[in-house]
Amino acid sequence: MRMRDHVVIAAAALTLACAGVRAESPDLGRVATPDEVAAWDISIEPSGAGLPAGSGTARTGAAIFAAKCAGCHGETGGGKPNDPLVGGAGSITTDKPVKTVGSYWPYATTLFDYIRRAMPLPNSKSLANDEVYALAAYILAQNKIIGEDDVMDARSLPQVKMPNREGFVRFERGK
């Protein structure tokens, strides 16, 4: 067999292999449909714009946290095996800051957005809005930012004053 024949055979084999991989690919390289974009267009602004209907309290969130979050974030959110969500109060300006929801995050609405978009692993976007509000309330209460019976919803969540809110510079569109 000549060298050219080897090249032709290799090219044919590569073409067939690529076709097989393409059939199993996530369909990259095409424009997303409007419905696909809408399913991921769920951002929440610090002001609360974009928050959906629903509500929850820390008491409700405790059971959800135990069932869906404690395996990664510890029994009460203190961490292990993943990052802690609770603690670190007053540590941000020290040499060893502990960056948690309660010590570092500037907006409670960001907590809702993150939980709804990314948790629980590996089933992101699987929680109902009421569950997300309840989990946000639980984490906020564990950090002693709100009370156990405070109701978190689209009206109250943006009003929560996070301890490190002033530790960030806020970008405002159009300025």
Protein backbone atom coordinates (compact mmCIF):
# COMPACT_ATOMS: atom_id res chain seq x y z
CA MET A 1 0.00 0.00 0.00
CA ARG A 2 1.24 3.44 -0.90
CA MET A 3 1.47 6.36 1.53
CA ARG A 4 -1.39 8.13 -0.24
CA ASP A 5 -3.65 5.11 0.35
CA HIS A 6 -2.84 5.22 4.08
CA VAL A 7 -3.76 8.90 4.21
CA VAL A 8 -7.08 8.27 2.42
CA ILE A 9 -7.94 5.40 4.79
CA ALA A 10 -7.01 7.49 7.85
CA ALA A 11 -9.10 10.42 6.60
CA ALA A 12 -12.09 8.14 6.00
CA ALA A 13 -11.74 6.61 9.47
CA LEU A 14 -11.51 10.07 11.04
CA THR A 15 -14.62 11.21 9.16
CA LEU A 16 -16.60 8.20 10.40
CA ALA A 17 -15.36 8.69 13.96
CA CYS A 18 -16.33 12.37 13.91
CA ALA A 19 -19.80 11.52 12.63
CA GLY A 20 -20.27 9.10 15.54
CA VAL A 21 -19.12 11.68 18.06
CA ARG A 22 -21.35 14.33 16.45
CA ALA A 23 -24.39 12.07 16.91
CA GLU A 24 -23.66 11.93 20.66
CA SER A 25 -22.75 15.63 21.09
CA PRO A 26 -24.83 18.25 22.91
CA ASP A 27 -25.61 19.93 19.56
CA LEU A 28 -23.04 22.69 19.96
CA GLY A 29 -22.59 25.24 17.23
CA ARG A 30 -26.24 26.07 16.59
CA VAL A 31 -28.31 29.06 17.63
CA ALA A 32 -30.37 28.45 20.77
CA THR A 33 -34.13 28.62 20.33
CA PRO A 34 -36.11 31.35 22.15
CA ASP A 35 -37.56 28.69 24.49
CA GLU A 36 -34.06 27.42 25.35
CA VAL A 37 -32.88 30.95 26.11
CA ALA A 38 -35.98 31.68 28.22
CA ALA A 39 -35.39 28.56 30.32
CA TRP A 40 -32.00 29.93 31.40
CA ASP A 41 -32.92 33.63 31.49
CA ILE A 42 -33.72 33.54 35.20
CA SER A 43 -31.35 36.17 36.58
CA ILE A 44 -32.36 38.11 39.66
CA GLU A 45 -31.11 41.65 40.12
CA PRO A 46 -29.97 42.99 43.51
CA SER A 47 -33.15 45.11 43.55
CA GLY A 48 -35.23 41.93 43.39
CA ALA A 49 -36.31 42.47 39.78
CA GLY A 50 -37.00 39.05 38.34
CA LEU A 51 -37.95 37.35 41.62
CA PRO A 52 -40.82 34.92 41.05
CA ALA A 53 -43.95 34.34 43.10
CA GLY A 54 -43.57 32.11 46.14
CA SER A 55 -42.45 32.32 49.75
CA GLY A 56 -40.76 30.40 52.53
CA THR A 57 -39.47 30.56 56.10
CA ALA A 58 -36.37 29.21 57.79
CA ARG A 59 -38.46 26.63 59.65
CA THR A 60 -39.65 25.21 56.32
CA GLY A 61 -36.17 25.52 54.85
CA ALA A 62 -34.58 23.46 57.64
CA ALA A 63 -36.21 20.22 56.45
CA ILE A 64 -35.37 20.95 52.82
CA PHE A 65 -31.78 21.76 53.76
CA ALA A 66 -31.46 18.50 55.71
CA ALA A 67 -32.77 16.50 52.76
CA LYS A 68 -31.06 18.25 49.85
CA CYS A 69 -28.11 20.33 51.09
CA ALA A 70 -26.59 18.97 54.30
CA GLY A 71 -24.71 16.19 52.50
CA CYS A 72 -22.50 18.81 50.87
CA HIS A 73 -22.68 21.81 53.23
CA GLY A 74 -22.88 20.14 56.63
CA GLU A 75 -25.80 19.64 58.98
CA THR A 76 -26.39 23.36 59.61
CA GLY A 77 -24.44 24.90 56.73
CA GLY A 78 -21.04 24.99 58.38
CA GLY A 79 -19.32 23.26 55.47
CA LYS A 80 -17.73 19.92 54.65
CA PRO A 81 -17.22 18.54 52.21
CA ASN A 82 -18.09 21.75 50.32
CA ASP A 83 -17.85 25.40 51.29
CA PRO A 84 -19.50 26.70 54.45
CA LEU A 85 -22.58 28.87 54.05
CA VAL A 86 -22.71 30.00 57.67
CA GLY A 87 -20.22 31.74 59.94
CA GLY A 88 -17.35 34.14 59.41
CA ALA A 89 -19.13 37.16 60.89
CA GLY A 90 -16.66 40.01 61.32
CA SER A 91 -13.81 38.18 59.59
CA ILE A 92 -13.86 39.91 56.20
CA THR A 93 -11.49 42.71 57.24
CA THR A 94 -9.08 40.35 59.00
CA ASP A 95 -6.00 38.57 57.66
CA LYS A 96 -8.01 35.34 57.37
CA PRO A 97 -11.45 36.23 56.04
CA VAL A 98 -14.08 33.48 56.08
CA LYS A 99 -16.23 34.13 53.03
CA THR A 100 -19.74 32.79 53.61
CA VAL A 101 -23.21 33.96 52.64
CA GLY A 102 -23.52 35.71 55.98
CA SER A 103 -20.13 37.37 56.07
CA TYR A 104 -19.38 38.20 52.45
CA TRP A 105 -22.36 38.22 50.08
CA PRO A 106 -23.78 41.72 49.51
CA TYR A 107 -27.38 40.86 48.51
CA ALA A 108 -29.87 38.27 49.71
CA THR A 109 -31.32 38.23 46.19
CA THR A 110 -28.01 36.79 44.96
CA LEU A 111 -28.52 33.88 47.34
CA PHE A 112 -31.94 33.15 45.82
CA ASP A 113 -30.52 33.42 42.30
CA TYR A 114 -27.64 31.06 43.05
CA ILE A 115 -29.73 28.42 44.79
CA ARG A 116 -32.36 28.42 42.04
CA ARG A 117 -29.81 28.30 39.23
CA ALA A 118 -27.18 25.91 40.58
CA MET A 119 -28.44 23.82 43.49
CA PRO A 120 -28.64 21.11 44.54
CA LEU A 121 -25.86 19.34 42.71
CA PRO A 122 -26.20 17.42 40.47
CA ASN A 123 -29.86 18.42 39.98
CA SER A 124 -29.59 22.15 39.40
CA LYS A 125 -32.82 24.02 38.65
CA SER A 126 -34.85 21.23 40.27
CA LEU A 127 -36.23 23.19 43.24
CA ALA A 128 -39.64 24.86 43.31
CA ASN A 129 -39.66 28.60 44.00
CA ASP A 130 -41.14 28.03 47.48
CA GLU A 131 -38.25 25.65 48.26
CA VAL A 132 -35.70 28.23 47.08
CA TYR A 133 -37.27 30.96 49.23
CA ALA A 134 -37.32 28.58 52.21
CA LEU A 135 -33.67 27.59 51.71
CA ALA A 136 -32.62 31.23 51.36
CA ALA A 137 -34.53 32.01 54.58
CA TYR A 138 -32.87 29.07 56.37
CA ILE A 139 -29.36 30.14 55.36
CA LEU A 140 -30.08 33.77 56.28
CA ALA A 141 -31.48 32.69 59.67
CA GLN A 142 -28.50 30.41 60.33
CA ASN A 143 -26.34 33.50 59.80
CA LYS A 144 -28.56 35.45 62.25
CA ILE A 145 -29.56 37.95 59.57
CA ILE A 146 -33.30 37.21 59.78
CA GLY A 147 -35.51 35.35 62.25
CA GLU A 148 -36.77 31.77 61.88
CA ASP A 149 -40.32 32.90 61.22
CA ASP A 150 -39.56 35.78 58.86
CA VAL A 151 -41.23 35.15 55.51
CA MET A 152 -39.00 35.56 52.47
CA ASP A 153 -40.71 36.40 49.20
CA ALA A 154 -40.30 38.79 46.25
CA ARG A 155 -41.17 41.76 48.48
CA SER A 156 -39.15 40.96 51.61
CA LEU A 157 -36.00 39.30 50.25
CA PRO A 158 -34.63 42.47 48.56
CA GLN A 159 -35.16 44.34 51.84
CA VAL A 160 -32.77 42.08 53.77
CA LYS A 161 -29.68 44.10 54.75
CA MET A 162 -26.67 41.85 54.35
CA PRO A 163 -23.74 42.55 56.75
CA ASN A 164 -21.23 43.15 53.94
CA ARG A 165 -23.51 45.10 51.59
CA GLU A 166 -21.30 48.18 51.83
CA GLY A 167 -18.16 46.13 51.12
CA PHE A 168 -18.83 46.19 47.38
CA VAL A 169 -19.08 48.80 44.66
CA ARG A 170 -22.38 48.53 42.81
CA PHE A 171 -22.44 48.99 39.08
CA GLU A 172 -25.52 50.78 37.82
CA ARG A 173 -26.47 50.62 34.16
CA GLY A 174 -26.45 53.87 32.26
CA LYS A 175 -24.04 55.68 34.59
